[in-house]
């Protein structure tokens, strides 16, 4: 029997498993300004526009450049003021009225007013495939009406209950009108925002440099202090090799690193490094299928692959100690999560019988075939997490044990959107973070991008229904139905929940996570 957690309950438990790890312990003495934080990440999506970026490594940097209308409390899930001081929604969530704080400017000196917000929202629906996230948040967007420089109304053609949470994300971060007017590619090269840092330089696949914006005084109500950021600057270095990142932190060459592996935990802790961890809400790491490809359009193949995967073994062998096996198409820290673990059991015998019944018979090499076609699936993954390749190599072995030949194909993270858009893949490994269950609709609805080429059906009704459900209990029920349909059809094979683990030097303090497990550096400071 499935266990459903209602939105209201889950929101209060978003960080229950690791809430005490949301930021580093406070240092002795008050924070002080100065210094540059050197942060090594594993990849670069090749874009600096927060409205077109979806990879965590790149979001860490671009999040510091823009402010959002609202913020989301990572502990309670509540929406809190940021650029907007107040907001109201009508009864059916088709209209939202916002009041902006006055005196906010972009780093180019232009005002961040209601007209600037309107320009951003009007442009989002016209952006290309890289902007799938903000397009989803603005589903049914009819327009923004400006009442005054500090008040505006956003209207939708149908109820859109997830929009308010969307306004707290980097994807709807507000950009200067001059940036909004540029082409998609021009925006990927440089953006102007109103955030606590400004872009100092960008060398693709090498570094992103940020400098403190002086005079900043409109931070989120959740932040610990007002005024300028403490740090003078931040340098994000692109270092693909996990061992090099770890060694650089141990030697003092960098101050923080991402993508910690299990082999790094003990030596880093032993060296005095503090590990900062938070479970990511949204979609777990898993396998999605391009159902336009005949081999994975066979439900028996998708079912057998899920049954072949020993999720606890993958977690213990590849991921850090804070990591959980996936038990649903949603991570367990996501509002309206439903436990679907009964459908995601490890059962290689059943995998074999499922393939037998579908006519896939084992050959002399152990790989199954039907009508002369080997059961070979090309699985595309991206070089944006050190755990991707070892996890998939283990899954490859597990699949082979039941006669499925997974062929792994690695590509740079900058290829992710064009590959999905073109359909030039059979199966794909990845995850997506958002602290709202509507991430299911933006990913799997056939009315959206439909990168997985799913057929129209009952899943669409559940996904559309939850987006329009003003009543939280009704929404939780519909989200639960969507999760059940996804695993019953094995449209996705969830494997492991992402837990973001950062290694941070002992002289770096108050690096914090937002509700989507992305970092906030306005309050961060160095004691040496």
Protein backbone atom coordinates (compact mmCIF):
# COMPACT_ATOMS: atom_id res chain seq x y z
CA UNK A 1 0.00 0.00 0.00
CA UNK A 2 1.34 3.39 -0.98
CA UNK A 3 1.99 5.99 1.70
CA UNK A 4 1.14 9.60 0.78
CA UNK A 5 2.54 12.62 2.57
CA UNK A 6 0.34 15.70 2.12
CA UNK A 7 1.90 18.92 0.95
CA UNK A 8 1.42 20.69 4.27
CA UNK A 9 3.06 17.89 6.24
CA UNK A 10 5.95 17.42 3.84
CA UNK A 11 6.65 21.14 3.75
CA UNK A 12 7.31 21.03 7.48
CA UNK A 13 9.67 18.08 7.03
CA UNK A 14 11.65 19.23 4.01
CA UNK A 15 14.93 18.92 5.84
CA UNK A 16 14.02 16.61 8.69
CA UNK A 17 16.66 14.03 7.87
CA UNK A 18 19.54 16.47 7.77
CA UNK A 19 18.21 19.82 8.97
CA UNK A 20 21.16 20.36 11.27
CA UNK A 21 23.48 20.22 8.27
CA UNK A 22 21.86 23.10 6.38
CA UNK A 23 24.78 25.40 7.19
CA UNK A 24 28.15 25.19 8.85
CA UNK A 25 28.29 25.81 12.59
CA UNK A 26 28.63 29.45 13.50
CA UNK A 27 32.21 30.51 14.02
CA UNK A 28 33.53 32.20 17.17
CA UNK A 29 33.40 35.94 16.79
CA UNK A 30 31.22 38.09 14.51
CA UNK A 31 31.36 37.78 10.70
CA UNK A 32 33.64 40.20 8.90
CA UNK A 33 33.99 41.34 5.32
CA UNK A 34 36.74 40.54 2.86
CA UNK A 35 38.35 37.72 0.96
CA UNK A 36 37.56 35.63 -2.09
CA UNK A 37 35.88 32.23 -1.89
CA UNK A 38 37.45 29.73 -4.30
CA UNK A 39 34.93 27.03 -5.14
CA UNK A 40 35.70 24.00 -7.36
CA UNK A 41 32.80 22.38 -9.22
CA UNK A 42 32.80 19.50 -11.67
CA UNK A 43 31.13 20.97 -14.75
CA UNK A 44 29.91 24.01 -16.67
CA UNK A 45 26.60 23.95 -18.52
CA UNK A 46 27.96 26.63 -20.82
CA UNK A 47 25.38 29.25 -19.92
CA UNK A 48 25.13 32.05 -17.34
CA UNK A 49 21.44 32.86 -17.76
CA UNK A 50 19.54 31.63 -14.68
CA UNK A 51 16.41 31.33 -16.78
CA UNK A 52 18.20 28.85 -19.07
CA UNK A 53 20.35 26.90 -16.60
CA UNK A 54 19.34 23.64 -14.92
CA UNK A 55 22.64 22.04 -13.83
CA UNK A 56 23.48 22.49 -10.14
CA UNK A 57 27.16 23.26 -10.74
CA UNK A 58 26.21 26.26 -12.89
CA UNK A 59 23.28 27.29 -10.69
CA UNK A 60 25.64 27.74 -7.73
CA UNK A 61 27.21 30.69 -9.56
CA UNK A 62 24.27 32.24 -11.40
CA UNK A 63 22.06 32.17 -8.29
CA UNK A 64 24.30 34.85 -6.77
CA UNK A 65 23.64 37.23 -9.70
CA UNK A 66 19.86 37.52 -9.45
CA UNK A 67 17.17 38.14 -6.88
CA UNK A 68 13.71 36.54 -6.91
CA UNK A 69 10.29 37.88 -6.08
CA UNK A 70 10.04 35.49 -3.13
CA UNK A 71 12.15 33.00 -1.19
CA UNK A 72 11.23 29.60 0.23
CA UNK A 73 12.10 28.65 3.78
CA UNK A 74 14.16 25.44 3.52
CA UNK A 75 12.89 24.26 6.90
CA UNK A 76 9.16 24.96 6.68
CA UNK A 77 8.61 25.26 2.93
CA UNK A 78 6.82 28.59 3.47
CA UNK A 79 7.11 31.32 0.86
CA UNK A 80 8.75 34.46 2.28
CA UNK A 81 9.35 38.02 1.03
CA UNK A 82 12.34 38.99 -1.09
CA UNK A 83 11.86 41.53 -3.87
CA UNK A 84 8.13 41.30 -3.25
CA UNK A 85 6.97 42.52 0.15
CA UNK A 86 3.43 41.22 -0.25
CA UNK A 87 1.24 39.18 -2.60
CA UNK A 88 -2.29 37.89 -2.90
CA UNK A 89 -3.92 35.29 -5.14
CA UNK A 90 -7.55 35.01 -6.18
CA UNK A 91 -9.64 32.02 -5.14
CA UNK A 92 -8.83 29.85 -8.16
CA UNK A 93 -5.12 30.78 -8.46
CA UNK A 94 -5.50 32.37 -11.89
CA UNK A 95 -4.33 35.83 -10.76
CA UNK A 96 -1.56 36.99 -8.45
CA UNK A 97 -1.01 40.58 -7.29
CA UNK A 98 2.49 41.48 -6.09
CA UNK A 99 3.85 44.54 -4.29
CA UNK A 100 7.55 45.24 -4.84
CA UNK A 101 9.95 46.92 -2.46
CA UNK A 102 11.09 50.27 -3.81
CA UNK A 103 14.62 51.45 -4.49
CA UNK A 104 15.96 48.21 -6.01
CA UNK A 105 18.27 48.57 -9.00
CA UNK A 106 20.07 46.27 -11.36
CA UNK A 107 23.85 46.46 -11.45
CA UNK A 108 23.62 48.54 -14.66
CA UNK A 109 21.75 51.20 -12.67
CA UNK A 110 18.28 50.65 -14.13
CA UNK A 111 15.37 50.25 -11.69
CA UNK A 112 13.93 46.87 -10.82
CA UNK A 113 10.30 47.83 -10.98
CA UNK A 114 7.04 46.26 -12.07
CA UNK A 115 7.80 46.96 -15.74
CA UNK A 116 11.08 45.07 -15.45
CA UNK A 117 9.30 42.08 -13.94
CA UNK A 118 6.73 42.20 -16.74
CA UNK A 119 9.51 42.24 -19.35
CA UNK A 120 11.02 39.11 -17.78
CA UNK A 121 7.76 37.19 -17.59
CA UNK A 122 6.68 38.24 -21.08
CA UNK A 123 9.96 36.98 -22.53
CA UNK A 124 10.09 33.58 -20.81
CA UNK A 125 7.51 31.85 -23.07
CA UNK A 126 9.55 32.85 -26.14
CA UNK A 127 12.85 31.39 -24.89
CA UNK A 128 14.19 28.18 -26.37
CA UNK A 129 14.39 24.64 -25.02
CA UNK A 130 16.95 25.53 -22.33
CA UNK A 131 14.20 27.48 -20.55
CA UNK A 132 11.92 24.50 -19.89
CA UNK A 133 11.85 25.19 -16.13
CA UNK A 134 10.61 28.82 -16.12
CA UNK A 135 8.22 28.05 -18.99
CA UNK A 136 6.66 25.38 -16.80
CA UNK A 137 6.31 27.77 -13.87
CA UNK A 138 4.48 30.22 -16.15
CA UNK A 139 2.18 27.60 -17.71
CA UNK A 140 -0.96 29.27 -19.02
CA UNK A 141 0.59 32.74 -18.74
CA UNK A 142 -1.71 35.41 -20.15
CA UNK A 143 0.29 38.46 -19.22
CA UNK A 144 1.38 40.89 -16.54
CA UNK A 145 -0.48 44.15 -15.92
CA UNK A 146 1.47 46.98 -14.31
CA UNK A 147 -0.58 49.06 -11.87
CA UNK A 148 2.33 51.16 -10.59
CA UNK A 149 6.12 50.94 -10.36
CA UNK A 150 5.70 48.74 -7.28
CA UNK A 151 2.53 46.80 -8.06
CA UNK A 152 1.62 44.35 -10.81
CA UNK A 153 -0.78 41.49 -11.53
CA UNK A 154 0.17 38.19 -13.19
CA UNK A 155 -2.73 36.42 -14.94
CA UNK A 156 -3.11 32.81 -16.09
CA UNK A 157 -5.66 31.14 -18.35
CA UNK A 158 -6.13 28.29 -15.86
CA UNK A 159 -5.39 27.75 -12.15
CA UNK A 160 -1.65 27.71 -11.50
CA UNK A 161 -1.08 26.90 -7.83
CA UNK A 162 2.63 26.17 -8.21
CA UNK A 163 3.49 29.59 -9.63
CA UNK A 164 4.12 31.22 -6.27
CA UNK A 165 6.77 28.64 -5.37
CA UNK A 166 8.23 29.12 -8.85
CA UNK A 167 8.80 32.80 -8.07
CA UNK A 168 11.27 31.73 -5.36
CA UNK A 169 13.54 29.86 -7.78
CA UNK A 170 16.57 30.95 -9.75
CA UNK A 171 14.65 30.11 -12.94
CA UNK A 172 12.38 33.12 -12.41
CA UNK A 173 15.20 35.31 -11.12
CA UNK A 174 14.71 38.85 -12.42
CA UNK A 175 17.12 40.13 -15.08
CA UNK A 176 17.74 43.68 -16.29
CA UNK A 177 15.60 44.68 -19.30
CA UNK A 178 18.75 45.10 -21.40
CA UNK A 179 19.61 41.45 -20.74
CA UNK A 180 16.04 40.30 -21.35
CA UNK A 181 16.13 41.88 -24.80
CA UNK A 182 19.16 39.86 -25.92
CA UNK A 183 19.09 36.56 -27.81
CA UNK A 184 19.19 33.27 -25.91
CA UNK A 185 22.86 32.70 -26.72
CA UNK A 186 23.84 36.29 -25.88
CA UNK A 187 22.19 35.88 -22.50
CA UNK A 188 24.16 32.69 -21.90
CA UNK A 189 27.39 34.66 -22.34
CA UNK A 190 26.62 37.38 -19.78
CA UNK A 191 23.69 38.66 -17.73
CA UNK A 192 22.92 41.66 -15.55
CA UNK A 193 20.89 41.10 -12.41
CA UNK A 194 20.21 42.80 -9.09
CA UNK A 195 21.86 40.20 -6.87
CA UNK A 196 24.56 40.58 -4.20
CA UNK A 197 27.28 39.70 -6.73
CA UNK A 198 27.96 40.78 -10.31
CA UNK A 199 29.69 38.90 -13.10
CA UNK A 200 33.40 39.63 -13.19
CA UNK A 201 34.45 37.18 -15.87
CA UNK A 202 33.58 33.91 -17.58
CA UNK A 203 35.84 31.45 -19.38
CA UNK A 204 33.75 28.54 -20.60
CA UNK A 205 34.68 25.21 -18.99
CA UNK A 206 37.32 26.96 -16.88
CA UNK A 207 35.96 29.56 -14.47
CA UNK A 208 33.18 31.94 -13.45
CA UNK A 209 34.28 34.98 -11.44
CA UNK A 210 31.92 37.06 -9.32
CA UNK A 211 32.57 40.34 -7.50
CA UNK A 212 30.63 41.88 -4.64
CA UNK A 213 28.07 44.49 -5.56
CA UNK A 214 28.45 47.51 -3.31
CA UNK A 215 25.27 49.20 -2.14
CA UNK A 216 23.22 45.98 -2.18
CA UNK A 217 20.43 46.27 0.39
CA UNK A 218 17.41 44.21 -0.67
CA UNK A 219 18.24 40.63 0.22
CA UNK A 220 15.81 37.86 1.13
CA UNK A 221 14.00 38.12 4.45
CA UNK A 222 15.51 34.71 5.28
CA UNK A 223 19.10 35.93 5.15
CA UNK A 224 21.08 36.56 8.31
CA UNK A 225 22.22 40.10 7.58
CA UNK A 226 21.29 43.11 5.46
CA UNK A 227 23.52 45.14 3.19
CA UNK A 228 26.49 44.06 1.07
CA UNK A 229 27.71 40.49 0.93
CA UNK A 230 30.66 39.81 3.22
CA UNK A 231 32.87 38.24 0.56
CA UNK A 232 34.71 40.50 -1.88
CA UNK A 233 34.34 37.89 -4.59
CA UNK A 234 33.79 34.28 -5.55
CA UNK A 235 35.76 32.25 -8.07
CA UNK A 236 34.10 29.10 -9.37
CA UNK A 237 36.69 26.82 -10.93
CA UNK A 238 35.65 24.00 -13.27
CA UNK A 239 37.58 20.91 -12.13
CA UNK A 240 36.09 17.70 -13.61
CA UNK A 241 38.35 15.27 -11.74
CA UNK A 242 37.02 14.35 -8.29
CA UNK A 243 40.46 13.53 -6.93
CA UNK A 244 41.87 16.86 -8.07
CA UNK A 245 39.01 18.76 -6.38
CA UNK A 246 39.56 16.86 -3.13
CA UNK A 247 43.31 17.37 -3.22
CA UNK A 248 42.89 21.07 -3.94
CA UNK A 249 40.69 21.49 -0.88
CA UNK A 250 43.07 19.54 1.36
CA UNK A 251 46.02 21.61 0.17
CA UNK A 252 44.23 24.94 0.61
CA UNK A 253 44.24 25.75 -3.11
CA UNK A 254 40.44 26.08 -2.97
CA UNK A 255 38.05 26.80 -0.11
CA UNK A 256 35.09 24.62 -1.11
CA UNK A 257 34.25 21.77 -3.49
CA UNK A 258 31.14 20.10 -4.83
CA UNK A 259 30.35 16.52 -5.89
CA UNK A 260 31.84 14.74 -2.90
CA UNK A 261 32.33 10.98 -3.34
CA UNK A 262 32.13 8.38 -0.55
CA UNK A 263 35.87 7.87 -0.75
CA UNK A 264 36.34 11.55 0.10
CA UNK A 265 34.33 11.67 3.33
CA UNK A 266 36.87 10.19 5.77
CA UNK A 267 40.01 11.95 4.48
CA UNK A 268 38.26 15.31 4.25
CA UNK A 269 36.78 15.06 7.73
CA UNK A 270 40.15 13.92 9.05
CA UNK A 271 41.73 17.03 7.54
CA UNK A 272 39.30 19.29 9.40
CA UNK A 273 37.04 19.91 6.41
CA UNK A 274 33.36 20.24 7.27
CA UNK A 275 30.82 18.45 5.11
CA UNK A 276 27.70 20.44 4.35
CA UNK A 277 24.77 18.26 3.25
CA UNK A 278 21.14 18.63 2.22
CA UNK A 279 18.72 16.27 0.49
CA UNK A 280 17.53 17.58 -2.89
CA UNK A 281 13.77 17.67 -3.51
CA UNK A 282 12.44 17.00 -6.99
CA UNK A 283 13.27 14.14 -9.35
CA UNK A 284 15.78 11.52 -8.14
CA UNK A 285 18.57 10.29 -10.34
CA UNK A 286 17.07 7.70 -12.62
CA UNK A 287 16.59 6.45 -16.15
CA UNK A 288 14.13 8.07 -18.53
CA UNK A 289 13.17 6.60 -21.89
CA UNK A 290 12.61 8.03 -25.34
CA UNK A 291 9.41 6.12 -26.10
CA UNK A 292 9.70 6.88 -29.80
CA UNK A 293 12.50 4.28 -29.85
CA UNK A 294 11.03 0.79 -30.38
CA UNK A 295 13.25 -1.10 -27.96
CA UNK A 296 12.26 0.95 -24.91
CA UNK A 297 8.66 1.39 -26.04
CA UNK A 298 8.30 -2.27 -24.97
CA UNK A 299 6.93 -2.07 -21.39
CA UNK A 300 8.51 -5.44 -20.57
CA UNK A 301 11.97 -4.01 -21.23
CA UNK A 302 11.40 -1.01 -18.97
CA UNK A 303 9.88 -3.19 -16.25
CA UNK A 304 12.72 -5.70 -16.36
CA UNK A 305 15.38 -3.02 -16.20
CA UNK A 306 13.82 -1.59 -13.04
CA UNK A 307 13.58 -5.05 -11.47
CA UNK A 308 17.24 -5.71 -12.31
CA UNK A 309 18.55 -2.71 -10.37
CA UNK A 310 19.69 -3.25 -6.80
CA UNK A 311 19.27 0.31 -5.56
CA UNK A 312 20.73 -0.15 -2.06
CA UNK A 313 23.85 -1.67 -3.60
CA UNK A 314 24.25 1.31 -5.94
CA UNK A 315 23.84 3.74 -3.05
CA UNK A 316 26.31 2.01 -0.74
CA UNK A 317 28.92 1.45 -3.43
CA UNK A 318 28.94 4.89 -5.09
CA UNK A 319 27.29 7.59 -3.01
CA UNK A 320 27.96 9.35 0.28
CA UNK A 321 26.63 8.06 3.57
CA UNK A 322 23.77 10.63 3.59
CA UNK A 323 22.26 9.24 0.36
CA UNK A 324 18.99 7.30 0.07
CA UNK A 325 17.74 4.89 -2.57
CA UNK A 326 14.87 6.27 -4.63
CA UNK A 327 11.42 5.04 -3.65
CA UNK A 328 9.29 7.11 -6.04
CA UNK A 329 9.50 9.37 -9.09
CA UNK A 330 9.74 12.16 -6.48
CA UNK A 331 12.47 12.45 -3.88
CA UNK A 332 11.21 11.85 -0.37
CA UNK A 333 11.92 15.49 0.63
CA UNK A 334 9.44 16.79 -1.96
CA UNK A 335 5.94 17.91 -0.94
CA UNK A 336 3.28 15.30 -1.82
CA UNK A 337 5.85 12.53 -2.12
CA UNK A 338 4.28 9.04 -2.26
CA UNK A 339 6.18 5.90 -1.29
CA UNK A 340 6.18 3.63 -4.35
CA UNK A 341 8.98 1.35 -3.14
CA UNK A 342 6.85 -1.77 -3.65
CA UNK A 343 6.98 -1.07 -7.40
CA UNK A 344 10.73 -0.49 -7.32
CA UNK A 345 11.89 -3.75 -5.74
CA UNK A 346 15.03 -5.63 -6.74
CA UNK A 347 13.85 -8.93 -8.25
CA UNK A 348 16.13 -10.34 -10.98
CA UNK A 349 14.11 -13.55 -11.21
CA UNK A 350 10.96 -11.59 -12.00
CA UNK A 351 12.94 -9.48 -14.47
CA UNK A 352 13.90 -12.65 -16.29
CA UNK A 353 10.38 -14.07 -16.35
CA UNK A 354 9.02 -10.72 -17.56
CA UNK A 355 11.42 -10.76 -20.50
CA UNK A 356 10.71 -14.44 -21.18
CA UNK A 357 6.99 -13.74 -21.42
CA UNK A 358 7.66 -10.90 -23.87
CA UNK A 359 9.71 -13.15 -26.15
CA UNK A 360 13.19 -11.94 -25.21
CA UNK A 361 15.34 -15.09 -25.04
CA UNK A 362 18.91 -15.41 -23.78
CA UNK A 363 21.70 -15.90 -26.29
CA UNK A 364 25.02 -17.73 -25.81
CA UNK A 365 26.61 -14.56 -24.38
CA UNK A 366 23.75 -14.12 -21.91
CA UNK A 367 22.30 -11.10 -23.71
CA UNK A 368 18.70 -11.55 -24.72
CA UNK A 369 17.30 -11.03 -28.20
CA UNK A 370 13.99 -11.11 -30.03
CA UNK A 371 13.52 -11.59 -33.76
CA UNK A 372 17.27 -11.24 -34.19
CA UNK A 373 17.47 -7.92 -32.33
CA UNK A 374 19.71 -7.93 -29.24
CA UNK A 375 18.36 -6.34 -26.09
CA UNK A 376 20.84 -3.49 -26.27
CA UNK A 377 19.97 -0.03 -24.88
CA UNK A 378 22.17 3.01 -25.33
CA UNK A 379 22.05 4.99 -22.08
CA UNK A 380 23.19 8.61 -22.33
CA UNK A 381 24.57 10.40 -19.29
CA UNK A 382 26.29 13.70 -18.70
CA UNK A 383 29.58 14.76 -17.14
CA UNK A 384 28.11 16.90 -14.36
CA UNK A 385 28.48 14.61 -11.33
CA UNK A 386 31.38 12.38 -10.33
CA UNK A 387 28.94 9.64 -9.28
CA UNK A 388 27.25 9.29 -12.66
CA UNK A 389 29.73 6.99 -14.37
CA UNK A 390 30.47 4.59 -11.47
CA UNK A 391 26.75 4.34 -10.65
CA UNK A 392 25.90 3.48 -14.23
CA UNK A 393 28.75 1.02 -14.57
CA UNK A 394 27.32 -0.89 -11.60
CA UNK A 395 23.79 -0.68 -13.03
CA UNK A 396 25.24 -1.93 -16.32
CA UNK A 397 26.51 -5.05 -14.52
CA UNK A 398 23.19 -5.58 -12.76
CA UNK A 399 21.27 -5.27 -16.05
CA UNK A 400 23.61 -7.69 -17.79
CA UNK A 401 22.79 -10.32 -15.16
CA UNK A 402 19.22 -10.45 -16.52
CA UNK A 403 20.25 -10.25 -20.17
CA UNK A 404 20.05 -6.51 -20.86
CA UNK A 405 23.06 -4.91 -22.56
CA UNK A 406 23.33 -1.28 -21.45
CA UNK A 407 25.73 0.71 -23.61
CA UNK A 408 26.87 3.83 -21.76
CA UNK A 409 27.41 7.06 -23.68
CA UNK A 410 28.89 10.07 -21.87
CA UNK A 411 28.32 13.60 -23.13
CA UNK A 412 29.10 17.10 -21.76
CA UNK A 413 26.32 18.69 -19.73
CA UNK A 414 26.01 21.46 -22.33
CA UNK A 415 24.62 18.81 -24.70
CA UNK A 416 21.73 17.83 -22.43
CA UNK A 417 19.02 20.15 -23.74
CA UNK A 418 19.80 19.78 -27.47
CA UNK A 419 19.99 16.00 -27.13
CA UNK A 420 16.64 15.81 -25.34
CA UNK A 421 15.05 18.24 -27.75
CA UNK A 422 16.27 16.38 -30.83
CA UNK A 423 15.35 12.95 -29.47
CA UNK A 424 18.82 11.66 -30.35
CA UNK A 425 18.94 9.20 -27.46
CA UNK A 426 17.32 5.95 -26.35
CA UNK A 427 17.53 6.25 -22.58
CA UNK A 428 18.90 9.03 -20.42
CA UNK A 429 20.24 9.30 -16.84
CA UNK A 430 19.64 12.42 -14.82
CA UNK A 431 17.78 14.24 -12.09
CA UNK A 432 16.08 17.60 -11.59
CA UNK A 433 15.70 19.63 -8.41
CA UNK A 434 12.63 21.59 -7.34
CA UNK A 435 10.87 21.89 -3.98
CA UNK A 436 7.43 21.48 -5.55
CA UNK A 437 5.76 18.38 -7.04
CA UNK A 438 4.86 20.27 -10.21
CA UNK A 439 8.31 19.21 -11.41
CA UNK A 440 6.46 16.06 -12.55
CA UNK A 441 4.23 18.07 -14.87
CA UNK A 442 7.05 20.12 -16.36
CA UNK A 443 8.97 16.90 -17.02
CA UNK A 444 6.35 14.34 -18.06
CA UNK A 445 3.27 16.15 -19.35
CA UNK A 446 2.68 15.64 -23.07
CA UNK A 447 1.36 19.21 -23.16
CA UNK A 448 4.86 20.51 -22.35
CA UNK A 449 8.26 19.80 -23.85
CA UNK A 450 7.61 16.03 -23.71
CA UNK A 451 11.29 15.22 -24.17
CA UNK A 452 10.49 11.58 -23.36
CA UNK A 453 7.88 11.31 -26.13
CA UNK A 454 5.27 9.88 -23.75
CA UNK A 455 1.82 9.07 -25.15
CA UNK A 456 -1.16 11.16 -24.10
CA UNK A 457 -3.19 9.42 -21.42
CA UNK A 458 -4.40 9.40 -17.80
CA UNK A 459 -1.06 10.74 -16.57
CA UNK A 460 -1.75 14.06 -18.29
CA UNK A 461 -5.02 14.47 -16.43
CA UNK A 462 -3.38 13.86 -13.05
CA UNK A 463 -0.54 16.26 -13.82
CA UNK A 464 -2.84 19.01 -15.09
CA UNK A 465 -5.23 18.45 -12.21
CA UNK A 466 -2.62 18.90 -9.50
CA UNK A 467 -1.43 22.12 -11.12
CA UNK A 468 -4.97 23.48 -10.83
CA UNK A 469 -5.88 22.07 -7.41
CA UNK A 470 -6.20 24.89 -4.90
CA UNK A 471 -7.09 22.45 -2.11
CA UNK A 472 -3.82 20.96 -0.73
CA UNK A 473 -5.38 17.57 0.06
CA UNK A 474 -6.79 17.23 -3.45
CA UNK A 475 -3.47 18.24 -4.91
CA UNK A 476 -1.62 15.63 -2.84
CA UNK A 477 -4.03 12.94 -4.06
CA UNK A 478 -3.49 13.89 -7.70
CA UNK A 479 0.29 14.05 -7.30
CA UNK A 480 0.10 10.59 -5.75
CA UNK A 481 -1.84 9.32 -8.77
CA UNK A 482 0.79 10.76 -11.08
CA UNK A 483 3.60 9.01 -9.21
CA UNK A 484 1.68 5.72 -9.30
CA UNK A 485 1.10 5.98 -13.05
CA UNK A 486 4.73 6.82 -13.74
CA UNK A 487 6.05 3.74 -11.93
CA UNK A 488 3.22 1.42 -12.99
CA UNK A 489 4.19 2.09 -16.61
CA UNK A 490 7.91 2.45 -15.81
CA UNK A 491 8.03 5.64 -17.83
CA UNK A 492 10.90 6.43 -15.47
CA UNK A 493 13.11 4.15 -13.40
CA UNK A 494 14.11 6.09 -10.27
CA UNK A 495 17.35 4.84 -8.71
CA UNK A 496 18.87 7.16 -6.11
CA UNK A 497 17.95 10.42 -4.42
CA UNK A 498 20.46 13.21 -4.78
CA UNK A 499 21.94 14.58 -1.59
CA UNK A 500 24.11 17.61 -2.19
CA UNK A 501 27.31 17.30 -0.16
CA UNK A 502 29.89 20.09 -0.20
CA UNK A 503 33.32 20.10 1.34
CA UNK A 504 34.07 23.46 2.95
CA UNK A 505 37.30 24.60 4.59
CA UNK A 506 37.16 25.27 8.36
CA UNK A 507 37.81 29.00 7.88
CA UNK A 508 34.70 29.42 5.69
CA UNK A 509 31.43 30.07 7.48
CA UNK A 510 27.70 30.45 6.86
CA UNK A 511 27.46 28.90 3.42
CA UNK A 512 23.77 27.96 3.41
CA UNK A 513 21.37 26.01 1.23
CA UNK A 514 18.08 27.28 -0.11
CA UNK A 515 14.96 25.11 -0.31
CA UNK A 516 16.17 23.57 -3.57
CA UNK A 517 19.59 22.71 -2.07
CA UNK A 518 21.42 25.39 -4.03
CA UNK A 519 23.89 27.59 -2.19
CA UNK A 520 23.41 31.14 -0.96
CA UNK A 521 26.62 33.16 -0.45
CA UNK A 522 25.37 36.56 0.72
CA UNK A 523 25.97 35.56 4.36
CA UNK A 524 29.16 33.55 3.74
CA UNK A 525 32.46 34.83 5.13
CA UNK A 526 36.05 33.79 5.72
CA UNK A 527 37.88 34.08 9.03
CA UNK A 528 41.35 34.03 7.50
